[in-house]
């Protein structure tokens, strides 16, 4: 049966794919955006486009009443700029304050949505941890880990109002249109590609098609609640992933990007890239979720083929 779903962050990397999937399966979608006119031009097909931002919420319209689900993706990108204290606060506030604002609006709605599904990230687990990590492992101690804890904590508040909550700890999303992979593919195109840093750090990835499927599953399956790692069941090291990019593009993959070069681009954020952990989607595997692209080689072939 068709559902009524509201989506924040629909113009981002995941949102466009997710909106298309929701519309194609017959759901009635409301897009919540800082720029609803721009969102309507970029993403036609939704039933309504409402002005909403993380600081002010919506402009007086009770959009949430009668919804079946709300998907919250809106957040400042983590690696778009070099980290300084101002940008780090922007990263934090967009997640903590935005989720708090949204949760408050859902709490006041009547009838309330059945479920709130929010993005989170595997940054929850911190850095420099060697063993494969699952949802039962404790959070890390660094900046991104703290951001993710606060982010999920704000979402969890809706549970006291009878709203089911699912937080998806996303790995590195592979998509030809943007994100980390698009940036990594460019040097390979010019025969200067390779791993970031030493290459022995974890690379916990997931294909965009599987991301969309997991979000849809979270909407539909009332047994899903709490946090889930949204990563492939076959994580790699950075060096292994770079090698697969080289094979998919028929390019060499040996030229490492040194840590000091990463530091020049993203500052403190470079340490999170070069010391990333290995993460497994234990809860999804236990529930029998079927990944379309569990293998990175096949995922990259699909993406490179679509790039033309």
C-alpha atoms as a PDB file:
ATOM      1  CA  UNK A   1       0.000   0.000   0.000  1.00  0.00           C
ATOM      2  CA  UNK A   2       1.264   3.474  -0.893  1.00  0.00           C
ATOM      3  CA  UNK A   3       2.717   5.510   1.945  1.00  0.00           C
ATOM      4  CA  UNK A   4       2.907   9.210   2.705  1.00  0.00           C
ATOM      5  CA  UNK A   5       6.572  10.093   3.194  1.00  0.00           C
ATOM      6  CA  UNK A   6       8.396  13.369   3.900  1.00  0.00           C
ATOM      7  CA  UNK A   7      12.092  13.725   3.049  1.00  0.00           C
ATOM      8  CA  UNK A   8      14.660  16.305   4.161  1.00  0.00           C
ATOM      9  CA  UNK A   9      17.921  16.625   2.247  1.00  0.00           C
ATOM     10  CA  UNK A  10      16.290  15.325  -0.932  1.00  0.00           C
ATOM     11  CA  UNK A  11      18.668  17.280  -3.188  1.00  0.00           C
ATOM     12  CA  UNK A  12      21.732  15.567  -1.720  1.00  0.00           C
ATOM     13  CA  UNK A  13      23.666  12.505  -2.867  1.00  0.00           C
ATOM     14  CA  UNK A  14      21.215   9.959  -1.449  1.00  0.00           C
ATOM     15  CA  UNK A  15      18.035  12.009  -1.555  1.00  0.00           C
ATOM     16  CA  UNK A  16      17.616  12.178  -5.318  1.00  0.00           C
ATOM     17  CA  UNK A  17      17.904   8.412  -5.724  1.00  0.00           C
ATOM     18  CA  UNK A  18      15.593   7.797  -2.790  1.00  0.00           C
ATOM     19  CA  UNK A  19      12.949  10.247  -3.985  1.00  0.00           C
ATOM     20  CA  UNK A  20      12.890   8.562  -7.394  1.00  0.00           C
ATOM     21  CA  UNK A  21      12.454   5.130  -5.795  1.00  0.00           C
ATOM     22  CA  UNK A  22       9.638   6.340  -3.534  1.00  0.00           C
ATOM     23  CA  UNK A  23       7.749   7.950  -6.421  1.00  0.00           C
ATOM     24  CA  UNK A  24       8.250   4.938  -8.691  1.00  0.00           C
ATOM     25  CA  UNK A  25       6.704   2.599  -6.151  1.00  0.00           C
ATOM     26  CA  UNK A  26       3.686   4.864  -5.769  1.00  0.00           C
ATOM     27  CA  UNK A  27       4.371   6.678  -2.503  1.00  0.00           C
ATOM     28  CA  UNK A  28       3.145  10.240  -1.957  1.00  0.00           C
ATOM     29  CA  UNK A  29       6.266  12.284  -1.207  1.00  0.00           C
ATOM     30  CA  UNK A  30       6.660  15.674   0.461  1.00  0.00           C
ATOM     31  CA  UNK A  31      10.061  17.328   0.018  1.00  0.00           C
ATOM     32  CA  UNK A  32      11.234  19.516   2.911  1.00  0.00           C
ATOM     33  CA  UNK A  33      13.865  21.948   1.626  1.00  0.00           C
ATOM     34  CA  UNK A  34      15.467  25.313   2.342  1.00  0.00           C
ATOM     35  CA  UNK A  35      14.808  26.119  -1.330  1.00  0.00           C
ATOM     36  CA  UNK A  36      11.567  24.393  -2.355  1.00  0.00           C
ATOM     37  CA  UNK A  37      11.514  26.000  -5.820  1.00  0.00           C
ATOM     38  CA  UNK A  38      15.028  24.732  -6.544  1.00  0.00           C
ATOM     39  CA  UNK A  39      14.110  21.312  -5.186  1.00  0.00           C
ATOM     40  CA  UNK A  40      11.048  21.167  -7.446  1.00  0.00           C
ATOM     41  CA  UNK A  41      13.160  21.997 -10.500  1.00  0.00           C
ATOM     42  CA  UNK A  42      15.880  19.515  -9.579  1.00  0.00           C
ATOM     43  CA  UNK A  43      13.571  16.747  -8.359  1.00  0.00           C
ATOM     44  CA  UNK A  44      10.191  16.783 -10.101  1.00  0.00           C
ATOM     45  CA  UNK A  45       7.688  14.139  -9.130  1.00  0.00           C
ATOM     46  CA  UNK A  46       6.995  14.825  -5.459  1.00  0.00           C
ATOM     47  CA  UNK A  47       3.492  15.713  -4.332  1.00  0.00           C
ATOM     48  CA  UNK A  48       4.522  18.807  -2.345  1.00  0.00           C
ATOM     49  CA  UNK A  49       7.570  20.990  -1.707  1.00  0.00           C
ATOM     50  CA  UNK A  50       7.662  22.782   1.644  1.00  0.00           C
ATOM     51  CA  UNK A  51      10.189  25.286   2.965  1.00  0.00           C
ATOM     52  CA  UNK A  52      12.076  23.806   5.921  1.00  0.00           C
ATOM     53  CA  UNK A  53      15.488  24.354   7.447  1.00  0.00           C
ATOM     54  CA  UNK A  54      17.388  23.069  10.449  1.00  0.00           C
ATOM     55  CA  UNK A  55      17.149  26.335  12.392  1.00  0.00           C
ATOM     56  CA  UNK A  56      13.546  27.428  11.814  1.00  0.00           C
ATOM     57  CA  UNK A  57      11.797  24.217  10.825  1.00  0.00           C
ATOM     58  CA  UNK A  58       8.756  24.600   8.564  1.00  0.00           C
ATOM     59  CA  UNK A  59       6.879  27.835   7.994  1.00  0.00           C
ATOM     60  CA  UNK A  60       3.754  27.186  10.002  1.00  0.00           C
ATOM     61  CA  UNK A  61       2.433  24.261   7.978  1.00  0.00           C
ATOM     62  CA  UNK A  62       1.615  21.050   9.802  1.00  0.00           C
ATOM     63  CA  UNK A  63       3.194  18.854   7.141  1.00  0.00           C
ATOM     64  CA  UNK A  64       3.821  15.921   9.503  1.00  0.00           C
ATOM     65  CA  UNK A  65       0.249  15.096  10.521  1.00  0.00           C
ATOM     66  CA  UNK A  66      -0.957  11.982   8.766  1.00  0.00           C
ATOM     67  CA  UNK A  67       2.425  10.964   7.384  1.00  0.00           C
ATOM     68  CA  UNK A  68       3.499   7.344   7.511  1.00  0.00           C
ATOM     69  CA  UNK A  69       7.234   8.054   7.524  1.00  0.00           C
ATOM     70  CA  UNK A  70       9.823  10.824   7.645  1.00  0.00           C
ATOM     71  CA  UNK A  71      13.316  10.399   6.214  1.00  0.00           C
ATOM     72  CA  UNK A  72      15.898  12.854   7.542  1.00  0.00           C
ATOM     73  CA  UNK A  73      18.994  13.305   5.366  1.00  0.00           C
ATOM     74  CA  UNK A  74      19.692  17.038   5.625  1.00  0.00           C
ATOM     75  CA  UNK A  75      23.186  17.790   6.976  1.00  0.00           C
ATOM     76  CA  UNK A  76      26.291  19.772   6.082  1.00  0.00           C
ATOM     77  CA  UNK A  77      28.743  17.610   4.059  1.00  0.00           C
ATOM     78  CA  UNK A  78      31.671  16.476   6.191  1.00  0.00           C
ATOM     79  CA  UNK A  79      34.514  16.663   3.670  1.00  0.00           C
ATOM     80  CA  UNK A  80      33.508  19.528   1.377  1.00  0.00           C
ATOM     81  CA  UNK A  81      35.801  22.046   3.093  1.00  0.00           C
ATOM     82  CA  UNK A  82      38.974  22.143   5.151  1.00  0.00           C
ATOM     83  CA  UNK A  83      38.093  21.674   8.785  1.00  0.00           C
ATOM     84  CA  UNK A  84      38.376  24.636  11.136  1.00  0.00           C
ATOM     85  CA  UNK A  85      36.430  25.326  14.303  1.00  0.00           C
ATOM     86  CA  UNK A  86      33.736  27.206  12.422  1.00  0.00           C
ATOM     87  CA  UNK A  87      33.168  24.438   9.896  1.00  0.00           C
ATOM     88  CA  UNK A  88      33.217  21.769  12.591  1.00  0.00           C
ATOM     89  CA  UNK A  89      30.464  23.641  14.415  1.00  0.00           C
ATOM     90  CA  UNK A  90      28.498  23.820  11.170  1.00  0.00           C
ATOM     91  CA  UNK A  91      28.864  20.041  10.753  1.00  0.00           C
ATOM     92  CA  UNK A  92      27.641  19.485  14.311  1.00  0.00           C
ATOM     93  CA  UNK A  93      24.820  22.031  14.393  1.00  0.00           C
ATOM     94  CA  UNK A  94      23.311  20.927  11.088  1.00  0.00           C
ATOM     95  CA  UNK A  95      22.935  17.421  12.505  1.00  0.00           C
ATOM     96  CA  UNK A  96      22.137  18.013  16.160  1.00  0.00           C
ATOM     97  CA  UNK A  97      19.971  21.119  15.836  1.00  0.00           C
ATOM     98  CA  UNK A  98      18.290  19.989  12.625  1.00  0.00           C
ATOM     99  CA  UNK A  99      17.314  16.618  14.056  1.00  0.00           C
ATOM    100  CA  UNK A 100      16.112  18.239  17.274  1.00  0.00           C
ATOM    101  CA  UNK A 101      13.963  20.657  15.281  1.00  0.00           C
ATOM    102  CA  UNK A 102      12.489  17.867  13.182  1.00  0.00           C
ATOM    103  CA  UNK A 103      11.846  15.613  16.175  1.00  0.00           C
ATOM    104  CA  UNK A 104      10.032  18.450  17.926  1.00  0.00           C
ATOM    105  CA  UNK A 105       7.747  18.998  14.951  1.00  0.00           C
ATOM    106  CA  UNK A 106       6.953  15.289  14.747  1.00  0.00           C
ATOM    107  CA  UNK A 107       6.181  15.191  18.472  1.00  0.00           C
ATOM    108  CA  UNK A 108       3.604  17.965  18.016  1.00  0.00           C
ATOM    109  CA  UNK A 109       1.915  16.388  14.992  1.00  0.00           C
ATOM    110  CA  UNK A 110      -1.347  14.447  15.160  1.00  0.00           C
ATOM    111  CA  UNK A 111      -1.646  11.744  14.085  1.00  0.00           C
ATOM    112  CA  UNK A 112       2.077  11.146  14.350  1.00  0.00           C
ATOM    113  CA  UNK A 113       4.217   9.380  11.720  1.00  0.00           C
ATOM    114  CA  UNK A 114       4.847   5.697  12.330  1.00  0.00           C
ATOM    115  CA  UNK A 115       8.602   5.982  11.773  1.00  0.00           C
ATOM    116  CA  UNK A 116      11.501   8.438  11.578  1.00  0.00           C
ATOM    117  CA  UNK A 117      14.464   7.148   9.563  1.00  0.00           C
ATOM    118  CA  UNK A 118      17.612   9.239   9.888  1.00  0.00           C
ATOM    119  CA  UNK A 119      21.037   9.127   8.354  1.00  0.00           C
ATOM    120  CA  UNK A 120      24.002   8.653  10.659  1.00  0.00           C
ATOM    121  CA  UNK A 121      27.518   7.484   9.833  1.00  0.00           C
ATOM    122  CA  UNK A 122      30.114   4.864  10.698  1.00  0.00           C
ATOM    123  CA  UNK A 123      32.098   7.787  12.054  1.00  0.00           C
ATOM    124  CA  UNK A 124      30.205   6.821  15.224  1.00  0.00           C
ATOM    125  CA  UNK A 125      32.903   4.208  15.893  1.00  0.00           C
ATOM    126  CA  UNK A 126      35.833   6.597  15.791  1.00  0.00           C
ATOM    127  CA  UNK A 127      39.305   5.964  14.376  1.00  0.00           C
ATOM    128  CA  UNK A 128      42.315   3.658  14.742  1.00  0.00           C
ATOM    129  CA  UNK A 129      40.320   0.572  15.740  1.00  0.00           C
ATOM    130  CA  UNK A 130      41.616  -2.614  14.147  1.00  0.00           C
ATOM    131  CA  UNK A 131      38.985  -5.295  14.688  1.00  0.00           C
ATOM    132  CA  UNK A 132      35.834  -5.340  12.529  1.00  0.00           C
ATOM    133  CA  UNK A 133      33.147  -3.348  14.335  1.00  0.00           C
ATOM    134  CA  UNK A 134      29.413  -4.007  14.638  1.00  0.00           C
ATOM    135  CA  UNK A 135      26.437  -2.220  16.180  1.00  0.00           C
ATOM    136  CA  UNK A 136      27.255  -3.678  19.597  1.00  0.00           C
ATOM    137  CA  UNK A 137      30.614  -1.866  19.774  1.00  0.00           C
ATOM    138  CA  UNK A 138      30.945   1.326  21.779  1.00  0.00           C
ATOM    139  CA  UNK A 139      31.347   4.717  20.090  1.00  0.00           C
ATOM    140  CA  UNK A 140      34.670   6.407  19.504  1.00  0.00           C
ATOM    141  CA  UNK A 141      36.103   9.472  21.215  1.00  0.00           C
ATOM    142  CA  UNK A 142      36.956  11.807  18.317  1.00  0.00           C
ATOM    143  CA  UNK A 143      34.986  14.705  16.837  1.00  0.00           C
ATOM    144  CA  UNK A 144      32.942  12.753  14.282  1.00  0.00           C
ATOM    145  CA  UNK A 145      32.114  10.061  16.816  1.00  0.00           C
ATOM    146  CA  UNK A 146      30.751  12.727  19.151  1.00  0.00           C
ATOM    147  CA  UNK A 147      28.757  14.271  16.299  1.00  0.00           C
ATOM    148  CA  UNK A 148      27.172  10.916  15.471  1.00  0.00           C
ATOM    149  CA  UNK A 149      26.316  10.207  19.114  1.00  0.00           C
ATOM    150  CA  UNK A 150      24.544  13.550  19.467  1.00  0.00           C
ATOM    151  CA  UNK A 151      22.882  13.133  16.060  1.00  0.00           C
ATOM    152  CA  UNK A 152      21.422   9.749  16.955  1.00  0.00           C
ATOM    153  CA  UNK A 153      20.520  10.931  20.438  1.00  0.00           C
ATOM    154  CA  UNK A 154      18.312  13.701  19.081  1.00  0.00           C
ATOM    155  CA  UNK A 155      16.545  11.250  16.756  1.00  0.00           C
ATOM    156  CA  UNK A 156      15.999   8.820  19.611  1.00  0.00           C
ATOM    157  CA  UNK A 157      13.846  11.397  21.399  1.00  0.00           C
ATOM    158  CA  UNK A 158      10.884  10.616  19.122  1.00  0.00           C
ATOM    159  CA  UNK A 159      10.580   7.154  20.663  1.00  0.00           C
ATOM    160  CA  UNK A 160       8.988   8.623  23.795  1.00  0.00           C
ATOM    161  CA  UNK A 161       6.108   9.801  21.587  1.00  0.00           C
ATOM    162  CA  UNK A 162       5.498   6.348  20.146  1.00  0.00           C
ATOM    163  CA  UNK A 163       7.378   6.949  16.900  1.00  0.00           C
ATOM    164  CA  UNK A 164       9.632   4.145  15.719  1.00  0.00           C
ATOM    165  CA  UNK A 165      13.191   5.348  15.105  1.00  0.00           C
ATOM    166  CA  UNK A 166      15.826   3.916  12.766  1.00  0.00           C
ATOM    167  CA  UNK A 167      19.325   5.426  12.447  1.00  0.00           C
ATOM    168  CA  UNK A 168      21.381   4.182   9.494  1.00  0.00           C
ATOM    169  CA  UNK A 169      25.131   4.428  10.055  1.00  0.00           C
ATOM    170  CA  UNK A 170      26.226   4.923   6.492  1.00  0.00           C
ATOM    171  CA  UNK A 171      29.559   3.809   5.144  1.00  0.00           C
ATOM    172  CA  UNK A 172      31.217   5.445   2.127  1.00  0.00           C
ATOM    173  CA  UNK A 173      28.427   5.650  -0.434  1.00  0.00           C
ATOM    174  CA  UNK A 174      29.491   4.688  -3.954  1.00  0.00           C
ATOM    175  CA  UNK A 175      27.704   6.681  -6.642  1.00  0.00           C
ATOM    176  CA  UNK A 176      28.878   8.026  -9.964  1.00  0.00           C
ATOM    177  CA  UNK A 177      27.194  11.400  -9.423  1.00  0.00           C
ATOM    178  CA  UNK A 178      29.039  12.561  -6.333  1.00  0.00           C
ATOM    179  CA  UNK A 179      30.462  11.842  -2.923  1.00  0.00           C
ATOM    180  CA  UNK A 180      33.864  10.368  -2.151  1.00  0.00           C
ATOM    181  CA  UNK A 181      33.997   8.038  -5.148  1.00  0.00           C
ATOM    182  CA  UNK A 182      33.573  10.796  -7.720  1.00  0.00           C
ATOM    183  CA  UNK A 183      36.539  12.611  -6.187  1.00  0.00           C
ATOM    184  CA  UNK A 184      38.609   9.414  -6.145  1.00  0.00           C
ATOM    185  CA  UNK A 185      37.858   8.531  -9.780  1.00  0.00           C
ATOM    186  CA  UNK A 186      39.185  11.798 -11.219  1.00  0.00           C
ATOM    187  CA  UNK A 187      42.926  11.147 -10.626  1.00  0.00           C
ATOM    188  CA  UNK A 188      42.536   7.602 -11.963  1.00  0.00           C
ATOM    189  CA  UNK A 189      41.184   9.082 -15.183  1.00  0.00           C
ATOM    190  CA  UNK A 190      44.523  10.860 -15.609  1.00  0.00           C
ATOM    191  CA  UNK A 191      46.632   7.813 -14.618  1.00  0.00           C
ATOM    192  CA  UNK A 192      47.607   9.251 -11.220  1.00  0.00           C
ATOM    193  CA  UNK A 193      45.219   7.337  -8.956  1.00  0.00           C
ATOM    194  CA  UNK A 194      45.968   5.398  -5.810  1.00  0.00           C
ATOM    195  CA  UNK A 195      45.057   4.919  -2.147  1.00  0.00           C
ATOM    196  CA  UNK A 196      44.615   7.802   0.280  1.00  0.00           C
ATOM    197  CA  UNK A 197      47.316   7.650   2.937  1.00  0.00           C
ATOM    198  CA  UNK A 198      49.169   4.416   3.653  1.00  0.00           C
ATOM    199  CA  UNK A 199      46.297   2.322   2.353  1.00  0.00           C
ATOM    200  CA  UNK A 200      46.003  -0.100   5.268  1.00  0.00           C
ATOM    201  CA  UNK A 201      43.012   1.670   6.851  1.00  0.00           C
ATOM    202  CA  UNK A 202      39.484   0.337   6.578  1.00  0.00           C
ATOM    203  CA  UNK A 203      37.257   1.168   3.628  1.00  0.00           C
ATOM    204  CA  UNK A 204      33.683   0.325   4.600  1.00  0.00           C
ATOM    205  CA  UNK A 205      31.638   1.090   1.525  1.00  0.00           C
ATOM    206  CA  UNK A 206      28.108   0.623   0.144  1.00  0.00           C
ATOM    207  CA  UNK A 207      26.573   0.980  -3.328  1.00  0.00           C
ATOM    208  CA  UNK A 208      23.921   3.688  -3.673  1.00  0.00           C
ATOM    209  CA  UNK A 209      21.339   1.120  -4.828  1.00  0.00           C
ATOM    210  CA  UNK A 210      21.728  -0.786  -1.570  1.00  0.00           C
ATOM    211  CA  UNK A 211      21.484   2.441   0.428  1.00  0.00           C
ATOM    212  CA  UNK A 212      18.119   3.164  -1.174  1.00  0.00           C
ATOM    213  CA  UNK A 213      16.919  -0.392  -0.528  1.00  0.00           C
ATOM    214  CA  UNK A 214      17.874  -0.160   3.148  1.00  0.00           C
ATOM    215  CA  UNK A 215      15.984   3.113   3.595  1.00  0.00           C
ATOM    216  CA  UNK A 216      12.908   1.600   1.964  1.00  0.00           C
ATOM    217  CA  UNK A 217      13.229  -1.469   4.174  1.00  0.00           C
ATOM    218  CA  UNK A 218      13.453   0.747   7.253  1.00  0.00           C
ATOM    219  CA  UNK A 219      10.215   2.472   6.270  1.00  0.00           C
ATOM    220  CA  UNK A 220       8.333  -0.735   5.591  1.00  0.00           C
ATOM    221  CA  UNK A 221       9.600  -3.181   8.225  1.00  0.00           C
ATOM    222  CA  UNK A 222       8.154  -2.368  11.636  1.00  0.00           C
ATOM    223  CA  UNK A 223      10.590  -4.791  13.226  1.00  0.00           C
ATOM    224  CA  UNK A 224      13.487  -2.481  12.379  1.00  0.00           C
ATOM    225  CA  UNK A 225      14.342  -0.149  15.239  1.00  0.00           C
ATOM    226  CA  UNK A 226      17.489   1.509  16.561  1.00  0.00           C
ATOM    227  CA  UNK A 227      20.852   1.746  14.802  1.00  0.00           C
ATOM    228  CA  UNK A 228      22.008  -0.277  11.796  1.00  0.00           C
ATOM    229  CA  UNK A 229      25.332  -0.222   9.975  1.00  0.00           C
ATOM    230  CA  UNK A 230      24.583   0.498   6.314  1.00  0.00           C
ATOM    231  CA  UNK A 231      27.748  -0.940   4.783  1.00  0.00           C
ATOM    232  CA  UNK A 232      28.643  -3.805   2.485  1.00  0.00           C
ATOM    233  CA  UNK A 233      29.201  -7.176   4.199  1.00  0.00           C
ATOM    234  CA  UNK A 234      32.565  -7.270   2.405  1.00  0.00           C
ATOM    235  CA  UNK A 235      34.624  -4.271   3.583  1.00  0.00           C
ATOM    236  CA  UNK A 236      38.123  -3.684   2.228  1.00  0.00           C
ATOM    237  CA  UNK A 237      41.273  -1.769   2.980  1.00  0.00           C
ATOM    238  CA  UNK A 238      41.818   1.502   1.152  1.00  0.00           C
ATOM    239  CA  UNK A 239      44.631  -0.106  -0.862  1.00  0.00           C
ATOM    240  CA  UNK A 240      42.377  -2.971  -1.960  1.00  0.00           C
ATOM    241  CA  UNK A 241      39.651  -0.563  -3.007  1.00  0.00           C
ATOM    242  CA  UNK A 242      42.064   1.603  -5.005  1.00  0.00           C
ATOM    243  CA  UNK A 243      43.299  -1.510  -6.797  1.00  0.00           C
ATOM    244  CA  UNK A 244      39.721  -2.389  -7.774  1.00  0.00           C
ATOM    245  CA  UNK A 245      39.162   1.127  -9.129  1.00  0.00           C
ATOM    246  CA  UNK A 246      42.268   0.696 -11.253  1.00  0.00           C
ATOM    247  CA  UNK A 247      41.012  -2.616 -12.622  1.00  0.00           C
ATOM    248  CA  UNK A 248      37.544  -1.233 -13.364  1.00  0.00           C
ATOM    249  CA  UNK A 249      38.991   1.800 -15.186  1.00  0.00           C
ATOM    250  CA  UNK A 250      42.004  -0.008 -16.701  1.00  0.00           C
ATOM    251  CA  UNK A 251      44.358   2.370 -14.934  1.00  0.00           C
ATOM    252  CA  UNK A 252      47.311   1.978 -12.538  1.00  0.00           C
ATOM    253  CA  UNK A 253      46.558   2.304  -8.822  1.00  0.00           C
ATOM    254  CA  UNK A 254      49.926   2.604  -7.109  1.00  0.00           C
ATOM    255  CA  UNK A 255      50.330   6.377  -6.640  1.00  0.00           C
ATOM    256  CA  UNK A 256      49.469   7.048  -3.002  1.00  0.00           C
ATOM    257  CA  UNK A 257      48.089  10.383  -1.857  1.00  0.00           C
ATOM    258  CA  UNK A 258      50.297  11.315   1.132  1.00  0.00           C
ATOM    259  CA  UNK A 259      48.708  12.292   4.418  1.00  0.00           C
ATOM    260  CA  UNK A 260      50.159  15.811   4.320  1.00  0.00           C
ATOM    261  CA  UNK A 261      48.384  16.416   1.000  1.00  0.00           C
ATOM    262  CA  UNK A 262      45.074  15.312   2.491  1.00  0.00           C
ATOM    263  CA  UNK A 263      45.708  17.561   5.465  1.00  0.00           C
ATOM    264  CA  UNK A 264      46.101  20.525   3.123  1.00  0.00           C
ATOM    265  CA  UNK A 265      42.649  19.826   1.667  1.00  0.00           C
ATOM    266  CA  UNK A 266      40.531  18.771   4.657  1.00  0.00           C
ATOM    267  CA  UNK A 267      42.723  19.570   7.662  1.00  0.00           C
ATOM    268  CA  UNK A 268      41.941  17.556  10.782  1.00  0.00           C
ATOM    269  CA  UNK A 269      39.457  15.535   8.746  1.00  0.00           C
ATOM    270  CA  UNK A 270      42.387  13.801   7.028  1.00  0.00           C
ATOM    271  CA  UNK A 271      43.018  11.737  10.157  1.00  0.00           C
ATOM    272  CA  UNK A 272      39.529  10.246   9.975  1.00  0.00           C
ATOM    273  CA  UNK A 273      40.213   9.166   6.379  1.00  0.00           C
ATOM    274  CA  UNK A 274      43.621   7.624   6.995  1.00  0.00           C
ATOM    275  CA  UNK A 275      42.619   5.847  10.217  1.00  0.00           C
ATOM    276  CA  UNK A 276      39.128   4.612   9.352  1.00  0.00           C
ATOM    277  CA  UNK A 277      37.916   1.346  10.921  1.00  0.00           C
ATOM    278  CA  UNK A 278      36.413  -1.743   9.302  1.00  0.00           C
ATOM    279  CA  UNK A 279      32.659  -1.936   9.923  1.00  0.00           C
ATOM    280  CA  UNK A 280      30.233  -4.813   9.328  1.00  0.00           C
ATOM    281  CA  UNK A 281      26.417  -4.636   8.895  1.00  0.00           C
ATOM    282  CA  UNK A 282      25.723  -7.319  11.484  1.00  0.00           C
ATOM    283  CA  UNK A 283      22.093  -6.415  12.173  1.00  0.00           C
ATOM    284  CA  UNK A 284      21.178  -6.279   8.481  1.00  0.00           C
ATOM    285  CA  UNK A 285      22.867  -9.627   7.880  1.00  0.00           C
ATOM    286  CA  UNK A 286      21.057 -11.181  10.835  1.00  0.00           C
ATOM    287  CA  UNK A 287      17.701 -10.100   9.430  1.00  0.00           C
ATOM    288  CA  UNK A 288      18.579 -11.595   6.043  1.00  0.00           C
ATOM    289  CA  UNK A 289      18.868  -8.377   4.043  1.00  0.00           C
ATOM    290  CA  UNK A 290      19.936  -9.133   0.457  1.00  0.00           C
ATOM    291  CA  UNK A 291      22.588  -6.773  -0.888  1.00  0.00           C
ATOM    292  CA  UNK A 292      22.433  -6.116  -4.623  1.00  0.00           C
ATOM    293  CA  UNK A 293      26.151  -5.295  -4.632  1.00  0.00           C
ATOM    294  CA  UNK A 294      27.958  -7.095  -1.789  1.00  0.00           C
ATOM    295  CA  UNK A 295      31.172  -7.220  -3.842  1.00  0.00           C
ATOM    296  CA  UNK A 296      33.147  -4.015  -4.460  1.00  0.00           C
ATOM    297  CA  UNK A 297      34.481  -5.177  -7.811  1.00  0.00           C
ATOM    298  CA  UNK A 298      30.976  -5.674  -9.189  1.00  0.00           C
ATOM    299  CA  UNK A 299      29.817  -2.410  -7.621  1.00  0.00           C
ATOM    300  CA  UNK A 300      32.604  -0.474  -9.337  1.00  0.00           C
ATOM    301  CA  UNK A 301      31.982  -2.157 -12.683  1.00  0.00           C
ATOM    302  CA  UNK A 302      28.361  -1.056 -12.460  1.00  0.00           C
ATOM    303  CA  UNK A 303      29.275   2.522 -11.582  1.00  0.00           C
ATOM    304  CA  UNK A 304      32.047   2.893 -14.172  1.00  0.00           C
ATOM    305  CA  UNK A 305      29.735   1.436 -16.842  1.00  0.00           C
ATOM    306  CA  UNK A 306      27.051   3.990 -15.976  1.00  0.00           C
ATOM    307  CA  UNK A 307      29.617   6.808 -16.153  1.00  0.00           C
ATOM    308  CA  UNK A 308      30.218   5.805 -19.741  1.00  0.00           C
END
